[in-house]
Amino acid sequence: MKDLRLIVLFGVVVAGLLVTLQSGVWLSFLMMTLYTVLLSQSWNILGGFGGQLSFGHALFFGVGAYAQAIAQLQWGWNPWLAMPFAIAMGTLVAVVVGAVTFRYGLKGSYFALVTLAFAEVFRILAVSLPFTGAGVGLMVPLHQSAGNLQFASPRGYAFVLLTFVMGALLVTAWLRHSRFGAWLQAVRDNESAARAVGVNPLRVKLGAIALSGAFMSAAGVCYVQMFQYIDAGIAFGSTISVEALVGVIVGGLGTLWGPVLGAAALYTLGELTRNLFGELPGLSMVIYGAVLILIVMFLPRGITGAGASVRRALGMGKEGSAKSPADGTFRASDNSVGSVAASKEKARV
C-alpha cells in the first residue's frame, strides 16, 4: 500500500511539473529523463528482480521501434493503433529469446552474451533488408497532431512516457509483493531449490522477460514518435542497452525507486557534461563507464543502498524488519524459497 501511495505521488508531482513548466528546454529535459527511466525500469524487471543480466536489451527496443515505423509507413496504420502492435511484437520476440535461452539453462555471462548476439543479428538484418530502410533507416512523415501521436511540444510525449513509467512502477511494486514475484526471486536465488518446491523456473523467467520486453519495446515506440526516425545503429546498438543497465546499477538492482534515481542522475550528469564539453563522440559512453566503475567500487548496492545505510547509521531504520528493508530491495529475506513452499502448502490446504 505504501508503494502504491508513493507511485501515485510520483505521478502527481511529475504531471504537475509537466502542466506548469513553460520552458521548452525543461520540458525536453523532463521528457528525456522519463524516457531514460523507462529504459532502466524495463531492464530492472528481468535483470534486477529476475537476476538475468542482459547485454542486449536493445533488441526489444529496436523491434518495438521498427514495428511502430513499419506499421505506419508500409501499412498506413494510425500511430495509436500501431503502438499496441509494436509492443506485442517486442514482447513476442522477448518470449522467443527467453524460450531459446532459458530452455537450455543459459544464465549469467552466457545469457548476457547470447542476448548481445541476438541484438547484433537483428542489427545486421535491419541494415540489409529493404523494408527496414537498410542502411538509411526509416523516417516517419510529420503529421503533427495528438491523433497522430505527434505533438508540437515535448509535453505531450512526456505524458505518454509518464504513463508507461507509471505502468512499469506498478508492475515492479507488484513483483515485490505478489506470489509471482516470490517465485521469480526464488528462481533467481536458487533455481534448483525453487524447482524442488514446485516452481516452474522456465515459466517464471519467461513471464519476467515478457514484461521486460513489453516496456522496452514501448520505449522504442516512444523514441520513433519523438524523433520520427529510426535506424539499425540506434535501434539495436549497444548504447540503448548500456543506458538501461547502468541506470539500474547506479540506482540499485532489484529496487522500486533505484532505476528512477539512477536513470535521472545519469541523464542529468550527461546533460551537464554536454553543456560543458559539447557533443564529443562517445562522451556519454565514457561517462557511463566511469560512473559504473565508481559505483561498483564504492556503492555496490547503488544509491538506494547507500541511502539505507545512512538511515541505519542515523538510527532511522526499523531494526529486525526483514519484510520492509529501508532501501526497498527485493531480497531473499523478503520472499525466500521457504516462504514459497509455505504459500504453496497453504494453498493446498
Protein backbone atom coordinates (compact mmCIF):
# COMPACT_ATOMS: atom_id res chain seq x y z
CA MET A 1 0.00 0.00 0.00
CA LYS A 2 2.89 2.32 0.79
CA ASP A 3 4.40 1.59 -2.63
CA LEU A 4 1.13 2.47 -4.33
CA ARG A 5 0.84 5.78 -2.48
CA LEU A 6 4.40 6.71 -3.42
CA ILE A 7 3.82 5.80 -7.07
CA VAL A 8 0.65 7.92 -7.19
CA LEU A 9 2.51 10.80 -5.51
CA PHE A 10 5.31 10.47 -8.06
CA GLY A 11 2.82 10.58 -10.92
CA VAL A 12 1.02 13.61 -9.50
CA VAL A 13 4.26 15.55 -8.95
CA VAL A 14 5.63 14.82 -12.43
CA ALA A 15 2.27 15.57 -14.07
CA GLY A 16 2.12 18.82 -12.13
CA LEU A 17 5.56 19.79 -13.41
CA LEU A 18 4.53 18.96 -16.98
CA VAL A 19 1.45 21.15 -16.69
CA THR A 20 3.16 24.14 -15.06
CA LEU A 21 6.51 24.21 -16.89
CA GLN A 22 6.54 26.53 -19.89
CA SER A 23 10.19 26.33 -20.91
CA GLY A 24 10.77 24.03 -23.87
CA VAL A 25 14.24 23.26 -22.55
CA TRP A 26 12.95 21.99 -19.20
CA LEU A 27 10.10 20.09 -20.83
CA SER A 28 12.59 18.37 -23.15
CA PHE A 29 14.79 17.57 -20.17
CA LEU A 30 11.89 16.03 -18.28
CA MET A 31 10.76 14.11 -21.37
CA MET A 32 14.19 12.55 -21.91
CA THR A 33 14.58 11.82 -18.21
CA LEU A 34 11.31 9.87 -18.25
CA TYR A 35 12.48 8.06 -21.38
CA THR A 36 15.72 7.03 -19.64
CA VAL A 37 13.80 5.95 -16.54
CA LEU A 38 11.56 3.74 -18.70
CA LEU A 39 14.64 2.04 -20.17
CA SER A 40 16.03 1.32 -16.71
CA GLN A 41 12.74 0.16 -15.20
CA SER A 42 12.31 -2.25 -18.12
CA TRP A 43 15.76 -3.75 -17.60
CA ASN A 44 15.25 -3.94 -13.83
CA ILE A 45 12.31 -6.34 -14.16
CA LEU A 46 14.48 -9.02 -15.74
CA GLY A 47 17.95 -8.07 -14.54
CA GLY A 48 17.20 -6.78 -11.05
CA PHE A 49 14.29 -8.95 -9.93
CA GLY A 50 14.96 -11.95 -12.15
CA GLY A 51 18.75 -11.94 -11.88
CA GLN A 52 19.09 -12.48 -15.65
CA LEU A 53 21.65 -9.90 -16.73
CA SER A 54 21.07 -8.86 -20.32
CA PHE A 55 23.57 -7.00 -22.53
CA GLY A 56 21.21 -6.98 -25.50
CA HIS A 57 18.04 -5.33 -24.26
CA ALA A 58 18.24 -3.01 -27.25
CA LEU A 59 16.83 -5.97 -29.19
CA PHE A 60 13.35 -5.45 -27.72
CA PHE A 61 13.65 -1.67 -28.03
CA GLY A 62 14.57 -2.00 -31.69
CA VAL A 63 11.80 -4.43 -32.53
CA GLY A 64 9.23 -2.11 -30.98
CA ALA A 65 10.68 0.92 -32.78
CA TYR A 66 10.82 -0.74 -36.19
CA ALA A 67 7.37 -2.31 -35.82
CA GLN A 68 5.93 1.12 -34.99
CA ALA A 69 7.60 2.75 -38.01
CA ILE A 70 6.81 -0.06 -40.47
CA ALA A 71 3.14 -0.23 -39.44
CA GLN A 72 2.77 3.46 -40.28
CA LEU A 73 4.90 3.64 -43.42
CA GLN A 74 4.03 0.37 -45.13
CA TRP A 75 0.54 -0.40 -43.89
CA GLY A 76 -0.78 3.11 -43.25
CA TRP A 77 -1.76 2.44 -39.63
CA ASN A 78 -2.56 5.23 -37.22
CA PRO A 79 0.30 5.52 -34.67
CA TRP A 80 -2.06 4.89 -31.74
CA LEU A 81 -3.15 1.62 -33.36
CA ALA A 82 0.42 0.73 -34.28
CA MET A 83 1.57 1.18 -30.67
CA PRO A 84 -0.03 -1.97 -29.16
CA PHE A 85 1.05 -3.97 -32.22
CA ALA A 86 4.65 -2.81 -31.82
CA ILE A 87 4.65 -3.59 -28.09
CA ALA A 88 3.17 -7.02 -28.80
CA MET A 89 5.92 -7.70 -31.36
CA GLY A 90 8.61 -6.73 -28.88
CA THR A 91 7.02 -8.95 -26.24
CA LEU A 92 6.81 -11.86 -28.69
CA VAL A 93 10.49 -11.56 -29.58
CA ALA A 94 11.34 -11.42 -25.87
CA VAL A 95 9.42 -14.64 -25.23
CA VAL A 96 11.11 -16.37 -28.18
CA VAL A 97 14.56 -15.30 -26.99
CA GLY A 98 13.68 -16.43 -23.47
CA ALA A 99 12.37 -19.78 -24.67
CA VAL A 100 15.58 -20.43 -26.61
CA THR A 101 17.97 -19.33 -23.87
CA PHE A 102 16.20 -20.42 -20.69
CA ARG A 103 15.23 -23.83 -22.03
CA TYR A 104 18.91 -24.64 -22.37
CA GLY A 105 19.69 -23.28 -18.93
CA LEU A 106 21.69 -20.25 -20.01
CA LYS A 107 22.32 -17.76 -17.22
CA GLY A 108 24.89 -15.26 -16.03
CA SER A 109 27.52 -14.25 -18.58
CA TYR A 110 26.26 -16.85 -21.08
CA PHE A 111 22.78 -15.34 -21.13
CA ALA A 112 24.23 -11.82 -21.32
CA LEU A 113 26.39 -12.68 -24.33
CA VAL A 114 23.59 -14.51 -26.13
CA THR A 115 21.25 -11.52 -25.78
CA LEU A 116 24.03 -9.31 -27.12
CA ALA A 117 24.43 -11.69 -30.07
CA PHE A 118 20.67 -11.62 -30.79
CA ALA A 119 20.74 -7.81 -30.85
CA GLU A 120 23.68 -7.84 -33.26
CA VAL A 121 21.93 -10.33 -35.57
CA PHE A 122 18.86 -8.08 -35.70
CA ARG A 123 21.08 -5.06 -36.35
CA ILE A 124 22.66 -6.79 -39.35
CA LEU A 125 19.24 -7.81 -40.65
CA ALA A 126 17.92 -4.26 -40.27
CA VAL A 127 20.89 -2.91 -42.23
CA SER A 128 20.35 -5.47 -45.00
CA LEU A 129 16.58 -5.68 -45.51
CA PRO A 130 14.80 -3.15 -47.74
CA PHE A 131 11.59 -2.90 -45.68
CA THR A 132 13.63 -1.73 -42.68
CA GLY A 133 15.24 1.02 -44.73
CA ALA A 134 18.53 -0.88 -44.97
CA GLY A 135 21.44 1.39 -44.01
CA VAL A 136 19.37 4.56 -44.41
CA GLY A 137 16.74 3.78 -41.78
CA LEU A 138 13.08 4.78 -41.68
CA MET A 139 11.65 8.27 -41.36
CA VAL A 140 8.08 8.67 -40.19
CA PRO A 141 6.23 11.51 -42.01
CA LEU A 142 5.48 14.56 -39.91
CA HIS A 143 1.73 14.95 -39.33
CA GLN A 144 1.68 16.96 -36.14
CA SER A 145 -1.45 16.27 -34.10
CA ALA A 146 -2.40 14.37 -30.98
CA GLY A 147 -4.40 11.97 -33.15
CA ASN A 148 -1.19 11.04 -34.95
CA LEU A 149 0.81 10.75 -31.72
CA GLN A 150 2.97 13.68 -32.82
CA PHE A 151 2.96 16.69 -30.54
CA ALA A 152 4.14 20.25 -31.09
CA SER A 153 5.62 20.33 -27.59
CA PRO A 154 7.67 17.80 -25.59
CA ARG A 155 4.85 17.98 -23.03
CA GLY A 156 2.65 15.56 -24.97
CA TYR A 157 5.40 12.96 -25.38
CA ALA A 158 6.32 13.33 -21.72
CA PHE A 159 2.76 12.47 -20.67
CA VAL A 160 2.87 9.33 -22.84
CA LEU A 161 6.20 8.37 -21.32
CA LEU A 162 4.89 9.08 -17.81
CA THR A 163 2.03 6.66 -18.46
CA PHE A 164 4.47 3.88 -19.35
CA VAL A 165 6.77 4.71 -16.44
CA MET A 166 3.82 4.55 -14.04
CA GLY A 167 2.89 1.18 -15.53
CA ALA A 168 6.44 -0.10 -15.07
CA LEU A 169 6.49 1.14 -11.46
CA LEU A 170 3.18 -0.59 -10.72
CA VAL A 171 4.48 -3.85 -12.21
CA THR A 172 7.66 -3.53 -10.16
CA ALA A 173 5.65 -2.92 -6.98
CA TRP A 174 3.50 -5.95 -7.85
CA LEU A 175 6.64 -8.07 -8.22
CA ARG A 176 7.75 -7.05 -4.74
CA HIS A 177 4.55 -8.24 -3.09
CA SER A 178 2.99 -10.90 -5.33
CA ARG A 179 3.32 -14.66 -5.43
CA PHE A 180 4.81 -14.45 -8.93
CA GLY A 181 7.43 -12.05 -7.58
CA ALA A 182 8.27 -14.53 -4.82
CA TRP A 183 8.67 -17.28 -7.41
CA LEU A 184 10.89 -15.04 -9.53
CA GLN A 185 13.09 -14.19 -6.57
CA ALA A 186 13.28 -17.85 -5.56
CA VAL A 187 14.42 -18.81 -9.07
CA ARG A 188 16.97 -16.01 -9.01
CA ASP A 189 18.44 -17.08 -5.67
CA ASN A 190 18.44 -20.86 -6.15
CA GLU A 191 16.80 -22.35 -9.22
CA SER A 192 17.22 -25.97 -8.06
CA ALA A 193 15.63 -25.27 -4.68
CA ALA A 194 12.78 -23.37 -6.32
CA ARG A 195 12.12 -26.29 -8.65
CA ALA A 196 12.12 -28.64 -5.66
CA VAL A 197 9.24 -26.75 -4.02
CA GLY A 198 7.15 -26.81 -7.20
CA VAL A 199 8.11 -23.59 -9.01
CA ASN A 200 8.46 -23.84 -12.79
CA PRO A 201 11.64 -21.81 -13.49
CA LEU A 202 11.13 -21.67 -17.25
CA ARG A 203 7.60 -20.31 -16.96
CA VAL A 204 8.59 -17.75 -14.34
CA LYS A 205 11.58 -16.45 -16.31
CA LEU A 206 9.51 -16.29 -19.49
CA GLY A 207 6.98 -14.14 -17.66
CA ALA A 208 9.74 -11.81 -16.47
CA ILE A 209 11.35 -11.41 -19.88
CA ALA A 210 7.93 -10.84 -21.47
CA LEU A 211 7.16 -7.98 -19.05
CA SER A 212 10.62 -6.53 -19.50
CA GLY A 213 10.42 -6.78 -23.29
CA ALA A 214 6.99 -5.15 -23.36
CA PHE A 215 8.14 -2.00 -21.56
CA MET A 216 11.40 -1.90 -23.51
CA SER A 217 9.53 -2.04 -26.82
CA ALA A 218 7.23 0.72 -25.51
CA ALA A 219 10.35 2.86 -25.10
CA GLY A 220 11.20 2.10 -28.73
CA VAL A 221 7.72 3.20 -29.81
CA CYS A 222 8.11 6.48 -27.93
CA TYR A 223 11.53 7.07 -29.49
CA VAL A 224 10.17 6.74 -33.03
CA GLN A 225 7.30 9.10 -32.30
CA MET A 226 9.53 11.67 -30.62
CA PHE A 227 12.21 11.80 -33.32
CA GLN A 228 10.27 10.46 -36.37
CA TYR A 229 13.31 8.38 -37.31
CA ILE A 230 14.97 5.06 -36.55
CA ASP A 231 17.93 3.17 -37.98
CA ALA A 232 19.73 -0.06 -37.12
CA GLY A 233 22.53 1.62 -35.18
CA ILE A 234 20.12 3.43 -32.90
CA ALA A 235 17.63 0.59 -32.54
CA PHE A 236 19.95 -2.36 -31.91
CA GLY A 237 23.19 -0.63 -30.92
CA SER A 238 24.90 -1.03 -27.57
CA THR A 239 24.08 2.49 -26.36
CA ILE A 240 20.45 1.67 -25.53
CA SER A 241 21.41 -1.48 -23.62
CA VAL A 242 24.12 0.36 -21.68
CA GLU A 243 21.77 3.23 -20.76
CA ALA A 244 19.22 0.72 -19.49
CA LEU A 245 21.51 -1.37 -17.30
CA VAL A 246 23.79 1.36 -15.93
CA GLY A 247 20.85 3.33 -14.57
CA VAL A 248 19.71 0.28 -12.60
CA ILE A 249 23.16 -0.49 -11.23
CA VAL A 250 23.68 3.14 -10.19
CA GLY A 251 20.27 3.33 -8.54
CA GLY A 252 20.12 -0.15 -7.05
CA LEU A 253 19.38 -3.59 -8.51
CA GLY A 254 16.02 -5.13 -7.69
CA THR A 255 14.58 -1.99 -6.08
CA LEU A 256 11.46 0.01 -6.85
CA TRP A 257 12.96 3.50 -6.95
CA GLY A 258 16.58 2.68 -7.74
CA PRO A 259 16.12 2.79 -11.54
CA VAL A 260 14.28 6.12 -11.24
CA LEU A 261 17.05 7.72 -9.19
CA GLY A 262 19.88 6.14 -11.17
CA ALA A 263 18.49 6.96 -14.61
CA ALA A 264 17.62 10.52 -13.62
CA ALA A 265 21.08 11.06 -12.11
CA LEU A 266 22.83 9.66 -15.18
CA TYR A 267 20.82 11.70 -17.65
CA THR A 268 21.36 14.87 -15.62
CA LEU A 269 25.10 14.19 -15.47
CA GLY A 270 25.17 13.58 -19.22
CA GLU A 271 23.41 16.87 -19.95
CA LEU A 272 25.75 18.80 -17.66
CA THR A 273 28.76 17.24 -19.35
CA ARG A 274 27.42 18.05 -22.82
CA ASN A 275 26.89 21.66 -21.81
CA LEU A 276 30.47 21.86 -20.55
CA PHE A 277 32.33 19.93 -23.27
CA GLY A 278 29.94 19.91 -26.22
CA GLU A 279 28.87 16.92 -28.33
CA LEU A 280 32.10 14.92 -28.26
CA PRO A 281 31.72 11.50 -29.97
CA GLY A 282 31.43 8.68 -27.44
CA LEU A 283 31.40 11.05 -24.48
CA SER A 284 28.23 9.57 -22.98
CA MET A 285 29.68 6.04 -23.02
CA VAL A 286 32.84 7.28 -21.29
CA ILE A 287 30.70 8.91 -18.60
CA TYR A 288 28.60 5.77 -18.12
CA GLY A 289 31.73 3.65 -17.85
CA ALA A 290 33.36 5.94 -15.30
CA VAL A 291 30.20 6.17 -13.19
CA LEU A 292 29.73 2.40 -13.32
CA ILE A 293 33.29 1.78 -12.11
CA LEU A 294 32.87 4.23 -9.23
CA ILE A 295 29.50 2.79 -8.20
CA VAL A 296 30.75 -0.80 -8.25
CA MET A 297 33.82 0.17 -6.20
CA PHE A 298 32.24 2.44 -3.59
CA LEU A 299 28.44 1.92 -3.71
CA PRO A 300 27.88 -1.71 -4.75
CA ARG A 301 24.21 -1.52 -3.69
CA GLY A 302 23.62 1.71 -5.58
CA ILE A 303 22.09 4.97 -4.44
CA THR A 304 19.19 3.33 -2.62
CA GLY A 305 21.55 1.00 -0.77
CA ALA A 306 23.70 3.93 0.31
CA GLY A 307 20.60 5.77 1.48
CA ALA A 308 19.54 2.77 3.53
CA SER A 309 22.99 2.55 5.13
CA VAL A 310 22.82 6.22 6.11
CA ARG A 311 19.36 5.73 7.61
CA ARG A 312 20.56 2.76 9.65
CA ALA A 313 23.60 4.72 10.83
CA LEU A 314 21.31 7.52 12.00
CA GLY A 315 19.01 5.03 13.71
CA MET A 316 16.10 5.74 11.38
CA GLY A 317 15.72 2.19 10.02
CA LYS A 318 13.47 -0.41 11.59
CA GLU A 319 15.54 -2.98 13.38
CA GLY A 320 14.66 -6.58 12.76
CA SER A 321 12.28 -5.81 9.93
CA ALA A 322 13.16 -8.16 7.10
CA LYS A 323 9.79 -7.62 5.48
CA SER A 324 10.33 -3.98 4.51
CA PRO A 325 14.03 -3.16 4.01
CA ALA A 326 14.87 0.52 4.10
CA ASP A 327 16.11 0.61 0.50
CA GLY A 328 13.16 -1.33 -0.90
CA THR A 329 15.41 -4.07 -2.22
CA PHE A 330 13.81 -7.33 -3.19
CA ARG A 331 15.80 -9.79 -1.07
CA ALA A 332 15.81 -13.40 -0.08
CA SER A 333 14.62 -12.47 3.39
CA ASP A 334 11.51 -10.89 1.89
CA ASN A 335 10.31 -13.87 -0.13
CA SER A 336 12.56 -16.90 0.37
CA VAL A 337 12.23 -20.33 -1.17
CA GLY A 338 10.86 -21.41 2.19
CA SER A 339 8.10 -18.82 2.01
CA VAL A 340 7.24 -20.04 -1.48
CA ALA A 341 6.93 -23.56 -0.18
CA ALA A 342 4.80 -22.37 2.72
CA SER A 343 2.45 -20.45 0.43
CA LYS A 344 2.05 -23.50 -1.80
CA GLU A 345 1.33 -25.68 1.22
CA LYS A 346 -1.28 -23.19 2.45
CA ALA A 347 -2.89 -23.16 -0.99
CA ARG A 348 -3.18 -26.96 -0.96
CA VAL A 349 -4.78 -26.90 2.48
